Amino acid sequence: MLDQGAQTAITALYRTLLPAQGNIVDLMAGPDSHLPPEMEFGNVIGIGVNAQALDSNPRLTDRVMEDLNETPELPLADESMDAVLLCDVVPYLRQPVALFREAARVLQPGGLIVITSGTRFIAHKATALWQALDGADRRRMIETLLARAGFGAVDNGTVTPAPEDMFWRDPVHAMTARRPEGV
């Protein structure tokens, strides 16, 4: 549900946060991971339920068909990833703490989780709790869920489009946290 400008903002964020040559996993991946085209990564693993969307994503080096709402377990080795991405999918997570714990497990110490979302969502697919909360409460909920999953301090921010931008209408909110060292 992200417009072109919001997707560009997410790519710019990834450019500043993701390690070149790092191993990345895109959870609930779709046809575009929004990774900066000029950046090379070690592995980019996409996990999702739509084979056609995964197959059409040119940045993925590996594709895994798995419904993370049914089975929030990542088929990845402990401490094998540098970053975990969740782009515009948190409204639809039915077991977020379990999935965030799995993200922490597969991240190397100091590894980064990046959660991005717009303001729009598909109401009939989003959880009732997500729909009941406003933007500030949603951010507090995600912070609490990340803390319960073992992540450290959460950074967050929102980027809003300029009024004259014809291709960007959706504000983008991002939250990041790192797996603590020595955990």
Protein backbone atom coordinates (compact mmCIF):
# COMPACT_ATOMS: atom_id res chain seq x y z
CA MET A 1 0.00 0.00 0.00
CA LEU A 2 3.02 2.31 -0.21
CA ASP A 3 3.12 4.88 -2.97
CA GLN A 4 6.17 5.54 -5.15
CA GLY A 5 7.50 8.33 -2.93
CA ALA A 6 7.20 6.22 0.21
CA GLN A 7 9.05 3.36 -1.49
CA THR A 8 11.83 5.78 -2.48
CA ALA A 9 12.05 7.01 1.13
CA ILE A 10 12.43 3.43 2.37
CA THR A 11 15.19 2.78 -0.17
CA ALA A 12 16.99 5.91 1.08
CA LEU A 13 16.66 4.70 4.67
CA TYR A 14 18.07 1.29 3.74
CA ARG A 15 20.98 3.03 2.00
CA THR A 16 21.96 4.66 5.29
CA LEU A 17 21.39 1.63 7.55
CA LEU A 18 22.22 -1.61 5.76
CA PRO A 19 25.77 -2.91 5.61
CA ALA A 20 27.25 -3.38 2.13
CA GLN A 21 27.92 -7.07 1.51
CA GLY A 22 25.72 -7.89 4.52
CA ASN A 23 23.33 -10.82 4.74
CA ILE A 24 19.75 -9.58 4.70
CA VAL A 25 16.41 -11.32 5.26
CA ASP A 26 13.21 -9.70 4.01
CA LEU A 27 10.25 -11.05 5.98
CA MET A 28 6.89 -11.37 4.27
CA ALA A 29 8.72 -10.34 1.13
CA GLY A 30 7.03 -9.19 -2.04
CA PRO A 31 8.13 -8.36 -5.57
CA ASP A 32 10.38 -5.48 -4.43
CA SER A 33 12.60 -5.35 -1.36
CA HIS A 34 13.28 -1.62 -1.93
CA LEU A 35 17.01 -2.20 -1.58
CA PRO A 36 19.30 0.47 -3.05
CA PRO A 37 20.15 -0.65 -6.60
CA GLU A 38 23.80 0.42 -6.33
CA MET A 39 24.43 -1.60 -3.15
CA GLU A 40 25.62 -5.20 -3.25
CA PHE A 41 24.73 -7.61 -0.47
CA GLY A 42 26.04 -11.07 0.46
CA ASN A 43 22.70 -12.87 0.56
CA VAL A 44 19.21 -11.44 0.37
CA ILE A 45 16.71 -14.04 1.53
CA GLY A 46 13.03 -13.41 0.95
CA ILE A 47 10.47 -15.27 3.04
CA GLY A 48 6.83 -15.01 2.03
CA VAL A 49 3.67 -16.77 0.91
CA ASN A 50 3.41 -15.64 -2.70
CA ALA A 51 5.73 -17.63 -4.98
CA GLN A 52 5.09 -15.35 -7.94
CA ALA A 53 5.97 -12.23 -5.92
CA LEU A 54 9.13 -13.85 -4.57
CA ASP A 55 10.16 -15.05 -8.04
CA SER A 56 9.68 -11.57 -9.51
CA ASN A 57 11.91 -9.93 -6.87
CA PRO A 58 15.29 -9.54 -8.63
CA ARG A 59 17.23 -8.73 -5.45
CA LEU A 60 16.56 -12.04 -3.73
CA THR A 61 19.35 -14.61 -3.81
CA ASP A 62 17.18 -17.16 -1.97
CA ARG A 63 13.41 -17.56 -1.72
CA VAL A 64 11.54 -19.40 1.03
CA MET A 65 7.82 -20.09 0.87
CA GLU A 66 6.49 -19.90 4.42
CA ASP A 67 3.48 -18.35 6.12
CA LEU A 68 5.08 -16.56 9.05
CA ASN A 69 1.67 -15.93 10.60
CA GLU A 70 1.05 -19.66 10.81
CA THR A 71 4.62 -20.67 11.67
CA PRO A 72 6.70 -17.75 12.98
CA GLU A 73 9.94 -19.71 12.69
CA LEU A 74 12.76 -18.65 10.41
CA PRO A 75 14.58 -21.48 8.59
CA LEU A 76 17.92 -19.76 9.16
CA ALA A 77 20.93 -20.48 11.33
CA ASP A 78 21.51 -18.65 14.59
CA GLU A 79 23.45 -15.38 14.19
CA SER A 80 23.57 -15.71 10.39
CA MET A 81 22.04 -12.36 9.34
CA ASP A 82 23.18 -8.76 9.52
CA ALA A 83 19.72 -7.22 9.07
CA VAL A 84 16.05 -8.24 9.14
CA LEU A 85 13.57 -6.15 7.16
CA LEU A 86 9.81 -5.89 7.69
CA CYS A 87 8.40 -3.46 5.17
CA ASP A 88 4.74 -2.52 5.55
CA VAL A 89 3.80 -5.86 7.13
CA VAL A 90 3.51 -5.29 10.89
CA PRO A 91 -0.24 -4.49 10.70
CA TYR A 92 -0.78 -8.07 9.54
CA LEU A 93 1.39 -9.97 12.05
CA ARG A 94 -0.62 -12.33 14.24
CA GLN A 95 2.32 -13.51 16.38
CA PRO A 96 4.69 -10.52 16.39
CA VAL A 97 6.65 -11.34 19.56
CA ALA A 98 7.41 -14.87 18.34
CA LEU A 99 8.53 -13.53 14.95
CA PHE A 100 10.64 -10.76 16.53
CA ARG A 101 12.29 -13.36 18.79
CA GLU A 102 13.15 -15.37 15.71
CA ALA A 103 14.57 -12.23 14.10
CA ALA A 104 16.74 -11.68 17.18
CA ARG A 105 17.90 -15.30 17.05
CA VAL A 106 19.06 -15.12 13.43
CA LEU A 107 20.71 -11.71 13.78
CA GLN A 108 24.37 -11.46 14.64
CA PRO A 109 25.06 -9.55 17.86
CA GLY A 110 24.63 -5.90 16.93
CA GLY A 111 22.46 -6.91 13.96
CA LEU A 112 19.63 -4.61 12.94
CA ILE A 113 15.88 -5.03 12.58
CA VAL A 114 14.20 -2.38 10.39
CA ILE A 115 10.42 -2.01 10.52
CA THR A 116 8.80 0.42 8.11
CA SER A 117 5.17 1.25 7.47
CA GLY A 118 2.91 3.80 5.90
CA THR A 119 -0.32 5.14 7.32
CA ARG A 120 -2.61 3.06 5.10
CA PHE A 121 -3.29 -0.65 5.51
CA ILE A 122 -5.69 -3.29 4.21
CA ALA A 123 -8.40 -3.30 6.87
CA HIS A 124 -9.72 -6.81 6.30
CA LYS A 125 -6.19 -8.23 6.65
CA ALA A 126 -4.85 -6.08 9.51
CA THR A 127 -5.20 -7.24 13.10
CA ALA A 128 -7.99 -5.75 15.17
CA LEU A 129 -5.45 -4.32 17.63
CA TRP A 130 -3.59 -2.47 14.86
CA GLN A 131 -6.85 -1.00 13.61
CA ALA A 132 -7.88 0.10 17.11
CA LEU A 133 -4.67 2.06 17.80
CA ASP A 134 -3.54 5.41 16.49
CA GLY A 135 -0.05 6.06 15.11
CA ALA A 136 1.61 6.93 18.44
CA ASP A 137 0.06 3.91 20.19
CA ARG A 138 1.14 1.64 17.32
CA ARG A 139 4.73 2.82 17.74
CA ARG A 140 4.59 2.23 21.51
CA MET A 141 3.18 -1.24 20.89
CA ILE A 142 6.00 -2.11 18.48
CA GLU A 143 8.59 -0.82 20.97
CA THR A 144 7.08 -3.04 23.67
CA LEU A 145 7.01 -6.07 21.36
CA LEU A 146 10.64 -5.53 20.35
CA ALA A 147 11.69 -5.23 24.00
CA ARG A 148 9.87 -8.47 24.85
CA ALA A 149 11.70 -10.15 21.98
CA GLY A 150 15.07 -9.12 23.43
CA PHE A 151 16.01 -6.11 21.31
CA GLY A 152 17.78 -3.07 22.69
CA ALA A 153 16.75 0.57 22.46
CA VAL A 154 14.43 1.47 19.61
CA ASP A 155 15.02 4.43 17.31
CA ASN A 156 12.08 5.74 15.37
CA GLY A 157 11.10 8.55 13.09
CA THR A 158 8.65 9.64 10.45
CA VAL A 159 9.32 11.19 7.07
CA THR A 160 6.51 13.13 5.45
CA PRO A 161 6.20 14.13 1.82
CA ALA A 162 6.46 17.69 0.63
CA PRO A 163 2.99 19.05 -0.28
CA GLU A 164 4.05 19.66 -3.88
CA ASP A 165 5.33 16.10 -4.44
CA MET A 166 2.99 14.41 -6.92
CA PHE A 167 4.33 10.88 -6.36
CA TRP A 168 4.55 10.81 -2.57
CA ARG A 169 1.50 11.16 -0.36
CA ASP A 170 2.09 8.53 2.35
CA PRO A 171 4.20 9.41 5.39
CA VAL A 172 6.68 6.65 6.22
CA HIS A 173 7.39 5.59 9.77
CA ALA A 174 10.50 3.58 10.57
CA MET A 175 11.61 1.81 13.71
CA THR A 176 15.00 0.21 14.17
CA ALA A 177 16.57 -1.79 16.97
CA ARG A 178 19.70 -3.86 17.37
CA ARG A 179 20.25 -7.24 18.88
CA PRO A 180 22.31 -6.53 21.97
CA GLU A 181 25.92 -7.68 22.05
CA GLY A 182 26.62 -10.69 24.25
CA VAL A 183 23.05 -12.02 24.22
